[in-house]
Protein backbone atom coordinates (compact mmCIF):
# COMPACT_ATOMS: atom_id res chain seq x y z
CA MET A 1 0.00 0.00 0.00
CA THR A 2 1.37 3.41 -0.93
CA SER A 3 0.56 6.80 0.52
CA TYR A 4 0.25 10.04 -1.37
CA LYS A 5 -0.85 13.63 -0.84
CA PRO A 6 -3.12 15.12 -3.54
CA LEU A 7 -2.16 18.54 -4.84
CA SER A 8 -3.95 21.56 -3.44
CA ARG A 9 -5.76 23.95 -5.76
CA VAL A 10 -2.81 26.35 -5.51
CA ASP A 11 -0.39 23.52 -6.30
CA MET A 12 -2.46 22.62 -9.37
CA ALA A 13 -2.43 26.23 -10.57
CA THR A 14 1.34 26.42 -10.04
CA ARG A 15 1.83 23.23 -12.08
CA ILE A 16 -0.25 24.66 -14.93
CA ALA A 17 1.54 28.02 -14.88
CA ARG A 18 4.89 26.25 -15.10
CA ASP A 19 3.83 24.58 -18.35
CA ILE A 20 2.54 27.66 -20.20
CA PRO A 21 5.16 28.78 -22.75
CA GLU A 22 6.57 32.28 -22.98
CA GLY A 23 4.49 34.71 -25.01
CA TRP A 24 1.21 32.80 -25.08
CA TYR A 25 -2.13 34.62 -24.93
CA VAL A 26 -4.20 32.83 -22.30
CA ASN A 27 -7.76 32.99 -20.97
CA LEU A 28 -8.42 31.67 -17.46
CA GLY A 29 -11.82 30.26 -16.56
CA ILE A 30 -13.60 30.54 -13.22
CA GLY A 31 -12.46 28.37 -10.30
CA ILE A 32 -9.04 26.75 -10.14
CA PRO A 33 -7.92 28.36 -13.44
CA THR A 34 -8.13 31.88 -11.97
CA LEU A 35 -5.39 30.93 -9.51
CA VAL A 36 -2.95 30.54 -12.41
CA ALA A 37 -2.64 34.33 -12.64
CA ASP A 38 -1.01 34.36 -9.19
CA ALA A 39 1.38 31.52 -10.05
CA ILE A 40 3.05 32.64 -13.28
CA PRO A 41 6.83 32.35 -12.81
CA GLU A 42 8.63 35.64 -12.32
CA GLY A 43 10.13 36.98 -15.52
CA ARG A 44 7.93 34.92 -17.86
CA GLU A 45 5.66 36.93 -20.15
CA ILE A 46 2.23 35.36 -20.43
CA ILE A 47 -0.52 37.69 -21.63
CA LEU A 48 -3.76 37.01 -19.78
CA HIS A 49 -7.11 37.72 -21.45
CA SER A 50 -10.51 38.12 -19.79
CA GLU A 51 -13.72 38.00 -21.80
CA ASN A 52 -15.12 41.09 -20.08
CA GLY A 53 -12.50 43.14 -21.96
CA ILE A 54 -8.99 43.02 -20.48
CA LEU A 55 -5.70 41.98 -22.05
CA GLY A 56 -2.57 41.88 -19.95
CA PHE A 57 -3.95 41.54 -16.43
CA GLY A 58 -1.86 40.24 -13.56
CA PRO A 59 -2.26 38.59 -10.17
CA ALA A 60 -4.75 39.54 -7.49
CA PRO A 61 -3.85 42.93 -6.00
CA ALA A 62 -2.90 43.63 -2.41
CA PRO A 63 -5.91 44.74 -0.32
CA ASP A 64 -4.73 48.34 -0.29
CA LYS A 65 -4.33 48.34 -4.09
CA LEU A 66 -7.73 46.91 -4.91
CA ASP A 67 -9.71 48.69 -7.63
CA PRO A 68 -13.39 47.59 -7.59
CA TRP A 69 -13.68 48.47 -11.29
CA LEU A 70 -10.75 46.24 -12.30
CA ILE A 71 -12.12 42.70 -12.27
CA ASN A 72 -11.95 39.55 -14.37
CA ALA A 73 -14.94 37.73 -15.88
CA GLY A 74 -15.51 35.97 -12.57
CA LYS A 75 -15.86 39.36 -10.82
CA GLN A 76 -12.60 38.85 -8.93
CA PRO A 77 -10.19 41.78 -8.46
CA VAL A 78 -7.09 41.69 -10.67
CA SER A 79 -4.12 43.94 -11.31
CA LEU A 80 -3.01 45.35 -14.67
CA ASN A 81 0.46 44.65 -16.02
CA PRO A 82 2.44 47.32 -17.90
CA GLY A 83 1.05 47.49 -21.43
CA GLY A 84 -2.31 46.07 -20.42
CA SER A 85 -5.41 47.32 -22.21
CA PHE A 86 -9.19 47.53 -22.01
CA PHE A 87 -11.73 47.12 -24.80
CA SER A 88 -15.36 46.32 -25.44
CA HIS A 89 -17.01 43.00 -24.74
CA THR A 90 -17.61 42.68 -28.49
CA ASP A 91 -13.93 43.05 -29.31
CA SER A 92 -13.03 40.60 -26.57
CA PHE A 93 -15.22 37.89 -28.07
CA ALA A 94 -13.91 38.71 -31.53
CA MET A 95 -10.47 37.76 -30.21
CA ILE A 96 -11.86 34.49 -28.89
CA ARG A 97 -13.93 33.58 -31.94
CA GLY A 98 -11.17 34.66 -34.30
CA GLY A 99 -8.77 32.07 -32.89
CA HIS A 100 -6.34 34.62 -31.47
CA LEU A 101 -5.89 32.96 -28.06
CA ASP A 102 -3.23 30.27 -27.66
CA LEU A 103 -4.79 28.63 -24.63
CA CYS A 104 -7.81 28.60 -22.38
CA VAL A 105 -7.73 26.89 -18.98
CA LEU A 106 -11.21 25.81 -17.87
CA GLY A 107 -12.77 23.90 -15.02
CA ALA A 108 -14.90 20.83 -15.69
CA PHE A 109 -17.59 18.62 -14.26
CA GLU A 110 -16.61 15.83 -16.68
CA VAL A 111 -14.13 15.22 -19.47
CA ALA A 112 -14.54 12.29 -21.86
CA ALA A 113 -11.73 10.20 -23.31
CA ASN A 114 -12.30 11.77 -26.74
CA GLY A 115 -11.91 15.28 -25.32
CA ASP A 116 -15.59 16.16 -24.87
CA LEU A 117 -16.01 18.89 -22.24
CA ALA A 118 -18.94 19.27 -19.84
CA ASN A 119 -18.46 22.27 -17.55
CA TRP A 120 -21.57 24.45 -17.51
CA THR A 121 -24.31 22.45 -15.78
CA THR A 122 -24.87 19.13 -14.02
CA SER A 123 -28.64 19.41 -14.57
CA ALA A 124 -29.11 19.28 -10.78
CA GLN A 125 -32.39 20.88 -9.71
CA ASP A 126 -30.71 23.06 -7.08
CA ALA A 127 -28.05 24.53 -9.37
CA ALA A 128 -28.61 27.22 -11.95
CA PRO A 129 -26.76 26.61 -15.23
CA ALA A 130 -24.07 29.14 -16.15
CA ILE A 131 -22.51 28.79 -19.59
CA GLY A 132 -20.83 32.22 -19.57
CA GLY A 133 -18.16 32.44 -22.26
CA ALA A 134 -17.11 28.79 -21.98
CA MET A 135 -18.81 27.69 -25.20
CA ASP A 136 -17.08 30.39 -27.26
CA LEU A 137 -13.74 29.75 -25.55
CA ALA A 138 -13.95 26.01 -26.07
CA ALA A 139 -14.76 26.44 -29.75
CA GLY A 140 -12.46 29.36 -30.59
CA THR A 141 -9.27 28.87 -28.58
CA ARG A 142 -6.36 26.97 -30.10
CA ARG A 143 -5.85 24.73 -27.06
CA ILE A 144 -8.02 23.77 -24.09
CA TRP A 145 -6.51 22.63 -20.80
CA VAL A 146 -8.78 21.56 -17.97
CA ALA A 147 -8.06 22.09 -14.26
CA THR A 148 -10.20 19.99 -11.93
CA GLU A 149 -10.07 17.59 -9.02
CA HIS A 150 -9.79 14.02 -10.25
CA THR A 151 -13.07 13.01 -8.57
CA THR A 152 -16.08 14.70 -7.01
CA LYS A 153 -16.34 15.14 -3.25
CA THR A 154 -18.16 11.80 -3.11
CA GLY A 155 -15.45 10.02 -5.10
CA THR A 156 -17.20 9.86 -8.46
CA PRO A 157 -14.69 10.04 -11.36
CA LYS A 158 -14.70 13.19 -13.46
CA LEU A 159 -12.66 11.57 -16.25
CA VAL A 160 -15.06 9.28 -18.06
CA GLU A 161 -15.54 7.22 -21.19
CA ARG A 162 -18.49 9.39 -22.21
CA CYS A 163 -19.92 12.51 -20.55
CA SER A 164 -23.29 12.16 -18.84
CA TYR A 165 -23.70 15.93 -18.39
CA PRO A 166 -24.65 18.36 -21.18
CA LEU A 167 -21.63 19.14 -23.34
CA THR A 168 -20.01 22.54 -23.54
CA ALA A 169 -18.14 21.45 -26.68
CA PRO A 170 -17.20 18.13 -28.29
CA ALA A 171 -13.62 16.85 -28.63
CA VAL A 172 -11.86 20.08 -27.59
CA VAL A 173 -9.79 19.17 -24.51
CA ASP A 174 -6.06 18.70 -25.11
CA ARG A 175 -4.78 18.24 -21.54
CA ILE A 176 -6.16 17.74 -18.03
CA TYR A 177 -4.51 18.80 -14.77
CA THR A 178 -5.96 17.14 -11.68
CA ASN A 179 -4.87 16.92 -8.07
CA LEU A 180 -3.43 13.49 -8.89
CA ALA A 181 -2.00 13.61 -12.42
CA VAL A 182 -1.44 15.40 -15.71
CA ILE A 183 -3.21 13.65 -18.57
CA ASP A 184 -3.14 14.31 -22.31
CA VAL A 185 -6.08 13.50 -24.58
CA ARG A 186 -4.68 11.67 -27.60
CA ASP A 187 -6.37 9.48 -30.20
CA ASN A 188 -9.62 9.35 -28.20
CA ALA A 189 -7.86 8.15 -25.04
CA PHE A 190 -6.31 9.41 -21.80
CA THR A 191 -2.49 9.29 -21.64
CA VAL A 192 -0.90 9.99 -18.25
CA ILE A 193 2.26 12.09 -18.57
CA ASP A 194 2.80 12.90 -14.88
CA MET A 195 1.60 11.62 -11.50
CA ILE A 196 2.03 12.78 -7.92
CA PRO A 197 4.66 10.91 -5.86
CA GLY A 198 3.43 7.78 -4.08
CA LEU A 199 0.44 7.20 -6.38
CA THR A 200 0.33 3.90 -8.26
CA ARG A 201 -1.11 3.30 -11.69
CA GLU A 202 -3.73 1.00 -10.20
CA GLU A 203 -4.88 3.64 -7.73
CA LEU A 204 -5.13 6.29 -10.42
CA GLN A 205 -7.04 3.94 -12.71
CA SER A 206 -9.46 3.08 -9.89
CA LYS A 207 -10.40 6.76 -9.70
CA THR A 208 -10.89 7.10 -13.46
CA ALA A 209 -13.94 5.85 -15.38
CA ALA A 210 -12.06 5.28 -18.65
CA PRO A 211 -8.90 3.34 -19.58
CA LEU A 212 -5.60 5.09 -18.90
CA PHE A 213 -2.40 4.76 -20.90
CA PHE A 214 0.86 5.67 -19.19
CA GLU A 215 3.98 7.50 -20.29
CA VAL A 216 5.34 7.72 -16.75
CA PRO A 217 7.06 5.01 -14.66
CA GLU A 218 5.28 3.29 -11.81
CA TYR A 219 5.90 5.05 -8.50
CA ALA A 220 7.08 3.03 -5.53
């Protein structure tokens, strides 16, 4: 029996930020993805886009520097990096729909082995659906990475053979970052490229509702 410690939400955001190449234009979805703005390595230029009309925003400001008018699409306070700009909501979505963003990091309720994304509603009676800009981002961005816990709070796998929730977009997810592993979507299958220390392949597979292929060695 092995023991392991799942990554925290901040750890997941830090792992994602580490993998974003220099110079990419990136949109961050609500939830775990918003934490990526605070985790970008010092000295690396990554231009963050928000669909409410900001390009070049930075991490969350200190409490004494907070501007209530400077927020991201999730209504969270952000800072503005040198060279940052503001523009209309229409222009912002023209950037998205025109394919000008290199990457969007989104949360998810489910991701299917073929890259289908379900992240806007679970159809639960007590939860109002909220598509926001996710449909446009999923369809218009060059790459989609997902940031999500590997299972729900009750242990139900979020990585599945086929989504049971309404789709945001079909076959769009390229990579998934969970609190247990980093998984690429290739040829309609999940390929594990990184795992947290102490986690075995069998344990990861037991928490995943679709077959996993591995490009990482078994951990002791």
